[in-house]
Amino acid sequence: MDLIVEYLTYLIYAFNIAIFGRVLMSWISPRGDDQISRVLIQITEPLIAPIRRVLPRFGMFDLSPMIALVLLNFIVLRALEDL
């Protein structure tokens, strides 16, 4: 059981880094036409796209990565509490 928790913790940590990297790359390369941006988008889009569909628009700001990080960490903390 400890191995599963440790694996999930590292997986969530990797998602956090990928989402943060995607946000940074959107400032560096807004069109997303470089290889790093494409990889980060492919990794994080399944998590961010449903949030973006539900979240209202805030002008030019996309808050869906921040909401994804909060939800992801909240789910992990709740799961760890239950163990």
PDB file of N, CA and C in Angstrom:
ATOM      1  N   MET A   1       0.814  -1.193   0.000  1.00  0.00           N
ATOM      2  CA  MET A   1       0.000   0.000   0.000  1.00  0.00           C
ATOM      3  C   MET A   1       0.863   1.265   0.000  1.00  0.00           C
ATOM      4  N   ASP A   2       1.947   1.225   0.748  1.00  0.00           N
ATOM      5  CA  ASP A   2       2.833   2.386   0.786  1.00  0.00           C
ATOM      6  C   ASP A   2       3.450   2.670  -0.575  1.00  0.00           C
ATOM      7  N   LEU A   3       3.711   1.631  -1.345  1.00  0.00           N
ATOM      8  CA  LEU A   3       4.287   1.804  -2.671  1.00  0.00           C
ATOM      9  C   LEU A   3       3.302   2.523  -3.600  1.00  0.00           C
ATOM     10  N   ILE A   4       2.029   2.199  -3.493  1.00  0.00           N
ATOM     11  CA  ILE A   4       1.009   2.844  -4.324  1.00  0.00           C
ATOM     12  C   ILE A   4       0.886   4.322  -3.965  1.00  0.00           C
ATOM     13  N   VAL A   5       0.877   4.618  -2.678  1.00  0.00           N
ATOM     14  CA  VAL A   5       0.780   6.007  -2.224  1.00  0.00           C
ATOM     15  C   VAL A   5       1.997   6.793  -2.694  1.00  0.00           C
ATOM     16  N   GLU A   6       3.161   6.204  -2.590  1.00  0.00           N
ATOM     17  CA  GLU A   6       4.377   6.876  -3.025  1.00  0.00           C
ATOM     18  C   GLU A   6       4.355   7.127  -4.530  1.00  0.00           C
ATOM     19  N   TYR A   7       3.904   6.143  -5.305  1.00  0.00           N
ATOM     20  CA  TYR A   7       3.804   6.287  -6.761  1.00  0.00           C
ATOM     21  C   TYR A   7       2.835   7.409  -7.119  1.00  0.00           C
ATOM     22  N   LEU A   8       1.665   7.432  -6.480  1.00  0.00           N
ATOM     23  CA  LEU A   8       0.685   8.466  -6.764  1.00  0.00           C
ATOM     24  C   LEU A   8       1.191   9.847  -6.359  1.00  0.00           C
ATOM     25  N   THR A   9       1.926   9.907  -5.282  1.00  0.00           N
ATOM     26  CA  THR A   9       2.501  11.179  -4.858  1.00  0.00           C
ATOM     27  C   THR A   9       3.475  11.710  -5.904  1.00  0.00           C
ATOM     28  N   TYR A  10       4.327  10.852  -6.427  1.00  0.00           N
ATOM     29  CA  TYR A  10       5.263  11.275  -7.477  1.00  0.00           C
ATOM     30  C   TYR A  10       4.538  11.635  -8.766  1.00  0.00           C
ATOM     31  N   LEU A  11       3.465  10.934  -9.077  1.00  0.00           N
ATOM     32  CA  LEU A  11       2.690  11.232 -10.274  1.00  0.00           C
ATOM     33  C   LEU A  11       2.030  12.604 -10.164  1.00  0.00           C
ATOM     34  N   ILE A  12       1.454  12.903  -9.019  1.00  0.00           N
ATOM     35  CA  ILE A  12       0.845  14.207  -8.807  1.00  0.00           C
ATOM     36  C   ILE A  12       1.906  15.303  -8.833  1.00  0.00           C
ATOM     37  N   TYR A  13       3.058  15.031  -8.259  1.00  0.00           N
ATOM     38  CA  TYR A  13       4.167  15.985  -8.289  1.00  0.00           C
ATOM     39  C   TYR A  13       4.582  16.264  -9.741  1.00  0.00           C
ATOM     40  N   ALA A  14       4.631  15.231 -10.565  1.00  0.00           N
ATOM     41  CA  ALA A  14       4.983  15.406 -11.979  1.00  0.00           C
ATOM     42  C   ALA A  14       3.923  16.231 -12.705  1.00  0.00           C
ATOM     43  N   PHE A  15       2.641  15.995 -12.402  1.00  0.00           N
ATOM     44  CA  PHE A  15       1.579  16.803 -12.998  1.00  0.00           C
ATOM     45  C   PHE A  15       1.699  18.264 -12.571  1.00  0.00           C
ATOM     46  N   ASN A  16       2.020  18.501 -11.309  1.00  0.00           N
ATOM     47  CA  ASN A  16       2.204  19.874 -10.833  1.00  0.00           C
ATOM     48  C   ASN A  16       3.312  20.573 -11.611  1.00  0.00           C
ATOM     49  N   ILE A  17       4.414  19.894 -11.817  1.00  0.00           N
ATOM     50  CA  ILE A  17       5.535  20.473 -12.566  1.00  0.00           C
ATOM     51  C   ILE A  17       5.139  20.716 -14.020  1.00  0.00           C
ATOM     52  N   ALA A  18       4.412  19.772 -14.622  1.00  0.00           N
ATOM     53  CA  ALA A  18       3.994  19.925 -16.012  1.00  0.00           C
ATOM     54  C   ALA A  18       3.034  21.105 -16.178  1.00  0.00           C
ATOM     55  N   ILE A  19       2.097  21.262 -15.243  1.00  0.00           N
ATOM     56  CA  ILE A  19       1.168  22.389 -15.328  1.00  0.00           C
ATOM     57  C   ILE A  19       1.910  23.703 -15.143  1.00  0.00           C
ATOM     58  N   PHE A  20       2.796  23.759 -14.168  1.00  0.00           N
ATOM     59  CA  PHE A  20       3.583  24.969 -13.944  1.00  0.00           C
ATOM     60  C   PHE A  20       4.457  25.273 -15.167  1.00  0.00           C
ATOM     61  N   GLY A  21       5.062  24.242 -15.757  1.00  0.00           N
ATOM     62  CA  GLY A  21       5.858  24.426 -16.972  1.00  0.00           C
ATOM     63  C   GLY A  21       5.031  24.928 -18.131  1.00  0.00           C
ATOM     64  N   ARG A  22       3.790  24.437 -18.230  1.00  0.00           N
ATOM     65  CA  ARG A  22       2.906  24.904 -19.302  1.00  0.00           C
ATOM     66  C   ARG A  22       2.593  26.388 -19.135  1.00  0.00           C
ATOM     67  N   VAL A  23       2.356  26.806 -17.902  1.00  0.00           N
ATOM     68  CA  VAL A  23       2.082  28.215 -17.651  1.00  0.00           C
ATOM     69  C   VAL A  23       3.302  29.066 -18.020  1.00  0.00           C
ATOM     70  N   LEU A  24       4.483  28.646 -17.601  1.00  0.00           N
ATOM     71  CA  LEU A  24       5.696  29.391 -17.942  1.00  0.00           C
ATOM     72  C   LEU A  24       5.918  29.444 -19.453  1.00  0.00           C
ATOM     73  N   MET A  25       5.703  28.331 -20.126  1.00  0.00           N
ATOM     74  CA  MET A  25       5.906  28.300 -21.575  1.00  0.00           C
ATOM     75  C   MET A  25       4.871  29.159 -22.298  1.00  0.00           C
ATOM     76  N   SER A  26       3.690  29.341 -21.718  1.00  0.00           N
ATOM     77  CA  SER A  26       2.695  30.201 -22.367  1.00  0.00           C
ATOM     78  C   SER A  26       3.138  31.663 -22.325  1.00  0.00           C
ATOM     79  N   TRP A  27       3.989  32.025 -21.374  1.00  0.00           N
ATOM     80  CA  TRP A  27       4.534  33.371 -21.337  1.00  0.00           C
ATOM     81  C   TRP A  27       5.720  33.512 -22.285  1.00  0.00           C
ATOM     82  N   ILE A  28       6.516  32.466 -22.397  1.00  0.00           N
ATOM     83  CA  ILE A  28       7.716  32.501 -23.240  1.00  0.00           C
ATOM     84  C   ILE A  28       7.358  32.338 -24.708  1.00  0.00           C
ATOM     85  N   SER A  29       6.511  31.366 -24.992  1.00  0.00           N
ATOM     86  CA  SER A  29       6.109  31.072 -26.367  1.00  0.00           C
ATOM     87  C   SER A  29       4.588  30.980 -26.426  1.00  0.00           C
ATOM     88  N   PRO A  30       3.897  32.113 -26.544  1.00  0.00           N
ATOM     89  CA  PRO A  30       2.434  32.117 -26.454  1.00  0.00           C
ATOM     90  C   PRO A  30       1.722  31.295 -27.525  1.00  0.00           C
ATOM     91  N   ARG A  31       2.320  31.161 -28.703  1.00  0.00           N
ATOM     92  CA  ARG A  31       1.671  30.375 -29.755  1.00  0.00           C
ATOM     93  C   ARG A  31       1.773  28.885 -29.497  1.00  0.00           C
ATOM     94  N   GLY A  32       2.723  28.454 -28.710  1.00  0.00           N
ATOM     95  CA  GLY A  32       2.867  27.043 -28.388  1.00  0.00           C
ATOM     96  C   GLY A  32       3.351  26.194 -29.538  1.00  0.00           C
ATOM     97  N   ASP A  33       4.155  26.767 -30.423  1.00  0.00           N
ATOM     98  CA  ASP A  33       4.599  26.027 -31.600  1.00  0.00           C
ATOM     99  C   ASP A  33       5.946  25.333 -31.419  1.00  0.00           C
ATOM    100  N   ASP A  34       6.542  25.423 -30.237  1.00  0.00           N
ATOM    101  CA  ASP A  34       7.805  24.726 -30.009  1.00  0.00           C
ATOM    102  C   ASP A  34       7.533  23.348 -29.393  1.00  0.00           C
ATOM    103  N   GLN A  35       8.524  22.498 -29.406  1.00  0.00           N
ATOM    104  CA  GLN A  35       8.382  21.102 -28.989  1.00  0.00           C
ATOM    105  C   GLN A  35       8.022  20.969 -27.504  1.00  0.00           C
ATOM    106  N   ILE A  36       8.641  21.761 -26.662  1.00  0.00           N
ATOM    107  CA  ILE A  36       8.377  21.671 -25.215  1.00  0.00           C
ATOM    108  C   ILE A  36       6.921  22.019 -24.921  1.00  0.00           C
ATOM    109  N   SER A  37       6.422  23.080 -25.535  1.00  0.00           N
ATOM    110  CA  SER A  37       5.031  23.476 -25.320  1.00  0.00           C
ATOM    111  C   SER A  37       4.072  22.397 -25.782  1.00  0.00           C
ATOM    112  N   ARG A  38       4.344  21.793 -26.923  1.00  0.00           N
ATOM    113  CA  ARG A  38       3.458  20.734 -27.431  1.00  0.00           C
ATOM    114  C   ARG A  38       3.408  19.544 -26.489  1.00  0.00           C
ATOM    115  N   VAL A  39       4.549  19.153 -25.955  1.00  0.00           N
ATOM    116  CA  VAL A  39       4.587  18.019 -25.018  1.00  0.00           C
ATOM    117  C   VAL A  39       3.830  18.352 -23.741  1.00  0.00           C
ATOM    118  N   LEU A  40       4.059  19.541 -23.200  1.00  0.00           N
ATOM    119  CA  LEU A  40       3.370  19.940 -21.976  1.00  0.00           C
ATOM    120  C   LEU A  40       1.865  20.050 -22.187  1.00  0.00           C
ATOM    121  N   ILE A  41       1.447  20.526 -23.344  1.00  0.00           N
ATOM    122  CA  ILE A  41       0.021  20.606 -23.649  1.00  0.00           C
ATOM    123  C   ILE A  41      -0.578  19.205 -23.743  1.00  0.00           C
ATOM    124  N   GLN A  42       0.117  18.284 -24.393  1.00  0.00           N
ATOM    125  CA  GLN A  42      -0.391  16.910 -24.498  1.00  0.00           C
ATOM    126  C   GLN A  42      -0.517  16.247 -23.129  1.00  0.00           C
ATOM    127  N   ILE A  43       0.391  16.545 -22.233  1.00  0.00           N
ATOM    128  CA  ILE A  43       0.357  15.934 -20.900  1.00  0.00           C
ATOM    129  C   ILE A  43      -0.761  16.532 -20.053  1.00  0.00           C
ATOM    130  N   THR A  44      -0.910  17.838 -20.095  1.00  0.00           N
ATOM    131  CA  THR A  44      -1.813  18.509 -19.159  1.00  0.00           C
ATOM    132  C   THR A  44      -3.215  18.768 -19.696  1.00  0.00           C
ATOM    133  N   GLU A  45      -3.420  18.733 -20.987  1.00  0.00           N
ATOM    134  CA  GLU A  45      -4.723  19.074 -21.557  1.00  0.00           C
ATOM    135  C   GLU A  45      -5.860  18.172 -21.070  1.00  0.00           C
ATOM    136  N   PRO A  46      -5.657  16.860 -20.897  1.00  0.00           N
ATOM    137  CA  PRO A  46      -6.776  16.050 -20.379  1.00  0.00           C
ATOM    138  C   PRO A  46      -7.250  16.474 -18.993  1.00  0.00           C
ATOM    139  N   LEU A  47      -6.399  17.099 -18.231  1.00  0.00           N
ATOM    140  CA  LEU A  47      -6.774  17.567 -16.899  1.00  0.00           C
ATOM    141  C   LEU A  47      -7.338  18.989 -16.934  1.00  0.00           C
ATOM    142  N   ILE A  48      -6.811  19.827 -17.799  1.00  0.00           N
ATOM    143  CA  ILE A  48      -7.193  21.236 -17.819  1.00  0.00           C
ATOM    144  C   ILE A  48      -8.430  21.494 -18.688  1.00  0.00           C
ATOM    145  N   ALA A  49      -8.624  20.757 -19.753  1.00  0.00           N
ATOM    146  CA  ALA A  49      -9.733  21.018 -20.684  1.00  0.00           C
ATOM    147  C   ALA A  49     -11.110  20.947 -20.025  1.00  0.00           C
ATOM    148  N   PRO A  50     -11.413  19.941 -19.202  1.00  0.00           N
ATOM    149  CA  PRO A  50     -12.743  19.936 -18.563  1.00  0.00           C
ATOM    150  C   PRO A  50     -12.956  21.128 -17.626  1.00  0.00           C
ATOM    151  N   ILE A  51     -11.913  21.554 -16.963  1.00  0.00           N
ATOM    152  CA  ILE A  51     -12.022  22.717 -16.069  1.00  0.00           C
ATOM    153  C   ILE A  51     -12.267  23.972 -16.890  1.00  0.00           C
ATOM    154  N   ARG A  52     -11.601  24.088 -18.016  1.00  0.00           N
ATOM    155  CA  ARG A  52     -11.754  25.257 -18.879  1.00  0.00           C
ATOM    156  C   ARG A  52     -13.181  25.349 -19.433  1.00  0.00           C
ATOM    157  N   ARG A  53     -13.805  24.197 -19.707  1.00  0.00           N
ATOM    158  CA  ARG A  53     -15.178  24.211 -20.213  1.00  0.00           C
ATOM    159  C   ARG A  53     -16.172  24.717 -19.164  1.00  0.00           C
ATOM    160  N   VAL A  54     -15.917  24.436 -17.897  1.00  0.00           N
ATOM    161  CA  VAL A  54     -16.835  24.813 -16.820  1.00  0.00           C
ATOM    162  C   VAL A  54     -16.556  26.221 -16.308  1.00  0.00           C
ATOM    163  N   LEU A  55     -15.309  26.617 -16.259  1.00  0.00           N
ATOM    164  CA  LEU A  55     -14.889  27.888 -15.684  1.00  0.00           C
ATOM    165  C   LEU A  55     -15.287  29.042 -16.603  1.00  0.00           C
ATOM    166  N   PRO A  56     -15.886  30.109 -16.054  1.00  0.00           N
ATOM    167  CA  PRO A  56     -16.197  31.265 -16.907  1.00  0.00           C
ATOM    168  C   PRO A  56     -14.925  31.996 -17.334  1.00  0.00           C
ATOM    169  N   ARG A  57     -15.003  32.712 -18.428  1.00  0.00           N
ATOM    170  CA  ARG A  57     -13.847  33.457 -18.951  1.00  0.00           C
ATOM    171  C   ARG A  57     -13.587  34.684 -18.090  1.00  0.00           C
ATOM    172  N   PHE A  58     -12.313  34.984 -17.866  1.00  0.00           N
ATOM    173  CA  PHE A  58     -11.895  36.166 -17.132  1.00  0.00           C
ATOM    174  C   PHE A  58     -11.031  37.034 -18.036  1.00  0.00           C
ATOM    175  N   GLY A  59     -11.601  37.448 -19.140  1.00  0.00           N
ATOM    176  CA  GLY A  59     -10.849  38.256 -20.093  1.00  0.00           C
ATOM    177  C   GLY A  59      -9.757  37.420 -20.740  1.00  0.00           C
ATOM    178  N   MET A  60      -8.540  37.919 -20.722  1.00  0.00           N
ATOM    179  CA  MET A  60      -7.435  37.190 -21.344  1.00  0.00           C
ATOM    180  C   MET A  60      -6.747  36.232 -20.380  1.00  0.00           C
ATOM    181  N   PHE A  61      -7.217  36.171 -19.139  1.00  0.00           N
ATOM    182  CA  PHE A  61      -6.602  35.303 -18.136  1.00  0.00           C
ATOM    183  C   PHE A  61      -7.237  33.918 -18.169  1.00  0.00           C
ATOM    184  N   ASP A  62      -6.396  32.900 -18.186  1.00  0.00           N
ATOM    185  CA  ASP A  62      -6.847  31.519 -18.127  1.00  0.00           C
ATOM    186  C   ASP A  62      -6.502  30.977 -16.741  1.00  0.00           C
ATOM    187  N   LEU A  63      -7.507  30.870 -15.902  1.00  0.00           N
ATOM    188  CA  LEU A  63      -7.290  30.424 -14.535  1.00  0.00           C
ATOM    189  C   LEU A  63      -7.414  28.907 -14.382  1.00  0.00           C
ATOM    190  N   SER A  64      -7.681  28.197 -15.459  1.00  0.00           N
ATOM    191  CA  SER A  64      -7.873  26.751 -15.363  1.00  0.00           C
ATOM    192  C   SER A  64      -6.628  25.997 -14.873  1.00  0.00           C
ATOM    193  N   PRO A  65      -5.394  26.380 -15.218  1.00  0.00           N
ATOM    194  CA  PRO A  65      -4.245  25.673 -14.636  1.00  0.00           C
ATOM    195  C   PRO A  65      -4.159  25.838 -13.121  1.00  0.00           C
ATOM    196  N   MET A  66      -4.485  27.036 -12.625  1.00  0.00           N
ATOM    197  CA  MET A  66      -4.441  27.253 -11.182  1.00  0.00           C
ATOM    198  C   MET A  66      -5.515  26.418 -10.481  1.00  0.00           C
ATOM    199  N   ILE A  67      -6.710  26.361 -11.044  1.00  0.00           N
ATOM    200  CA  ILE A  67      -7.782  25.557 -10.469  1.00  0.00           C
ATOM    201  C   ILE A  67      -7.403  24.085 -10.520  1.00  0.00           C
ATOM    202  N   ALA A  68      -6.771  23.652 -11.602  1.00  0.00           N
ATOM    203  CA  ALA A  68      -6.346  22.254 -11.721  1.00  0.00           C
ATOM    204  C   ALA A  68      -5.329  21.912 -10.637  1.00  0.00           C
ATOM    205  N   LEU A  69      -4.393  22.804 -10.381  1.00  0.00           N
ATOM    206  CA  LEU A  69      -3.410  22.557  -9.325  1.00  0.00           C
ATOM    207  C   LEU A  69      -4.067  22.456  -7.955  1.00  0.00           C
ATOM    208  N   VAL A  70      -5.003  23.348  -7.673  1.00  0.00           N
ATOM    209  CA  VAL A  70      -5.687  23.325  -6.376  1.00  0.00           C
ATOM    210  C   VAL A  70      -6.490  22.044  -6.230  1.00  0.00           C
ATOM    211  N   LEU A  71      -7.268  21.688  -7.255  1.00  0.00           N
ATOM    212  CA  LEU A  71      -8.075  20.468  -7.192  1.00  0.00           C
ATOM    213  C   LEU A  71      -7.212  19.217  -7.071  1.00  0.00           C
ATOM    214  N   LEU A  72      -6.156  19.170  -7.833  1.00  0.00           N
ATOM    215  CA  LEU A  72      -5.268  18.010  -7.812  1.00  0.00           C
ATOM    216  C   LEU A  72      -4.654  17.814  -6.431  1.00  0.00           C
ATOM    217  N   ASN A  73      -4.166  18.879  -5.859  1.00  0.00           N
ATOM    218  CA  ASN A  73      -3.560  18.781  -4.532  1.00  0.00           C
ATOM    219  C   ASN A  73      -4.603  18.506  -3.453  1.00  0.00           C
ATOM    220  N   PHE A  74      -5.810  19.042  -3.600  1.00  0.00           N
ATOM    221  CA  PHE A  74      -6.875  18.774  -2.646  1.00  0.00           C
ATOM    222  C   PHE A  74      -7.265  17.298  -2.674  1.00  0.00           C
ATOM    223  N   ILE A  75      -7.390  16.737  -3.856  1.00  0.00           N
ATOM    224  CA  ILE A  75      -7.750  15.322  -3.993  1.00  0.00           C
ATOM    225  C   ILE A  75      -6.675  14.436  -3.378  1.00  0.00           C
ATOM    226  N   VAL A  76      -5.431  14.776  -3.600  1.00  0.00           N
ATOM    227  CA  VAL A  76      -4.332  13.981  -3.048  1.00  0.00           C
ATOM    228  C   VAL A  76      -4.340  14.051  -1.517  1.00  0.00           C
ATOM    229  N   LEU A  77      -4.520  15.252  -0.990  1.00  0.00           N
ATOM    230  CA  LEU A  77      -4.536  15.389   0.463  1.00  0.00           C
ATOM    231  C   LEU A  77      -5.697  14.624   1.083  1.00  0.00           C
ATOM    232  N   ARG A  78      -6.850  14.674   0.450  1.00  0.00           N
ATOM    233  CA  ARG A  78      -8.006  13.918   0.957  1.00  0.00           C
ATOM    234  C   ARG A  78      -7.750  12.419   0.909  1.00  0.00           C
ATOM    235  N   ALA A  79      -7.126  11.963  -0.178  1.00  0.00           N
ATOM    236  CA  ALA A  79      -6.841  10.529  -0.313  1.00  0.00           C
ATOM    237  C   ALA A  79      -5.831  10.082   0.739  1.00  0.00           C
ATOM    238  N   LEU A  80      -4.843  10.919   1.011  1.00  0.00           N
ATOM    239  CA  LEU A  80      -3.844  10.557   2.003  1.00  0.00           C
ATOM    240  C   LEU A  80      -4.416  10.567   3.414  1.00  0.00           C
ATOM    241  N   GLU A  81      -5.396  11.435   3.664  1.00  0.00           N
ATOM    242  CA  GLU A  81      -6.049  11.451   4.971  1.00  0.00           C
ATOM    243  C   GLU A  81      -6.844  10.179   5.213  1.00  0.00           C
ATOM    244  N   ASP A  82      -7.446   9.652   4.163  1.00  0.00           N
ATOM    245  CA  ASP A  82      -8.265   8.450   4.290  1.00  0.00           C
ATOM    246  C   ASP A  82      -7.435   7.203   4.552  1.00  0.00           C
ATOM    247  N   LEU A  83      -6.153   7.256   4.207  1.00  0.00           N
ATOM    248  CA  LEU A  83      -5.293   6.102   4.434  1.00  0.00           C
ATOM    249  C   LEU A  83      -4.855   6.121   5.850  1.00  0.00           C
TER     250      LEU A  83
END
